[in-house]
Protein backbone atom coordinates (compact mmCIF):
# COMPACT_ATOMS: atom_id res chain seq x y z
CA UNK A 1 1.86 0.40 11.48
CA UNK A 2 5.30 2.44 12.47
CA UNK A 3 7.32 3.34 9.81
CA UNK A 4 10.73 2.91 10.52
CA UNK A 5 13.01 5.46 8.21
CA UNK A 6 15.78 3.42 7.02
CA UNK A 7 19.28 4.38 5.17
CA UNK A 8 19.19 3.66 1.22
CA UNK A 9 19.34 4.66 -1.79
CA UNK A 10 15.67 3.35 -3.00
CA UNK A 11 13.88 2.50 0.47
CA UNK A 12 12.89 5.25 2.68
CA UNK A 13 10.88 3.65 5.64
CA UNK A 14 9.90 0.30 6.12
CA UNK A 15 7.13 -1.46 8.45
CA UNK A 16 6.00 -4.18 9.83
CA UNK A 17 2.39 -6.09 11.69
CA UNK A 18 3.13 -9.68 12.80
CA UNK A 19 -0.18 -10.29 13.48
CA UNK A 20 -1.08 -9.77 8.93
CA UNK A 21 2.27 -10.53 8.58
CA UNK A 22 2.32 -7.52 6.59
CA UNK A 23 5.65 -6.19 5.49
CA UNK A 24 5.19 -2.12 4.39
CA UNK A 25 8.24 -0.32 2.24
CA UNK A 26 7.87 3.21 1.58
CA UNK A 27 10.10 3.41 -1.47
CA UNK A 28 11.28 6.88 -2.57
CA UNK A 29 8.73 6.45 -5.22
CA UNK A 30 5.98 5.08 -3.85
CA UNK A 31 4.77 2.74 -0.41
CA UNK A 32 4.08 -1.19 -1.47
CA UNK A 33 2.06 -4.03 1.21
CA UNK A 34 3.66 -7.58 0.87
CA UNK A 35 1.46 -9.90 2.06
CA UNK A 36 2.71 -13.21 4.25
CA UNK A 37 6.14 -11.77 4.64
CA UNK A 38 7.79 -14.24 7.49
CA UNK A 39 9.29 -11.84 10.85
CA UNK A 40 12.18 -13.55 9.77
CA UNK A 41 12.15 -11.75 5.83
CA UNK A 42 11.41 -8.82 7.93
CA UNK A 43 14.28 -8.95 10.57
CA UNK A 44 16.96 -9.72 7.70
CA UNK A 45 15.72 -6.45 5.43
CA UNK A 46 16.44 -4.74 8.35
CA UNK A 47 19.47 -5.78 9.61
CA UNK A 48 21.26 -5.89 5.81
CA UNK A 49 23.61 -3.52 4.90
CA UNK A 50 21.98 -3.06 1.49
CA UNK A 51 18.30 -3.09 2.18
CA UNK A 52 17.46 -2.62 -1.66
CA UNK A 53 19.42 -5.63 -2.49
CA UNK A 54 17.93 -7.48 -0.10
CA UNK A 55 14.57 -6.33 -0.91
CA UNK A 56 14.76 -7.60 -4.92
CA UNK A 57 16.46 -10.46 -3.64
CA UNK A 58 14.22 -12.24 -0.70
CA UNK A 59 11.07 -9.66 -1.11
CA UNK A 60 10.20 -9.10 -5.03
CA UNK A 61 11.74 -12.44 -6.24
CA UNK A 62 10.69 -14.42 -3.30
CA UNK A 63 7.22 -14.25 -4.84
CA UNK A 64 4.94 -12.34 -1.84
CA UNK A 65 1.71 -10.68 -3.27
CA UNK A 66 1.73 -7.18 -2.95
CA UNK A 67 -0.28 -3.80 -3.94
CA UNK A 68 0.57 0.07 -3.73
CA UNK A 69 -0.58 1.81 -1.06
């Protein structure tokens, strides 16, 4: 999965696979895959001025299954 570096105090890089709807987020403290994430949520994250806040509200609290990788 192609990882794109992002400017954030919490997130280091983000990748997305549209076929499997898997969002991979590399935090400064570890990497996680989130499953069943719509493209619109990935796009919202990438366009957000605060990626950490967007992640918390729309992904972490969005109820997506995740695993550490």
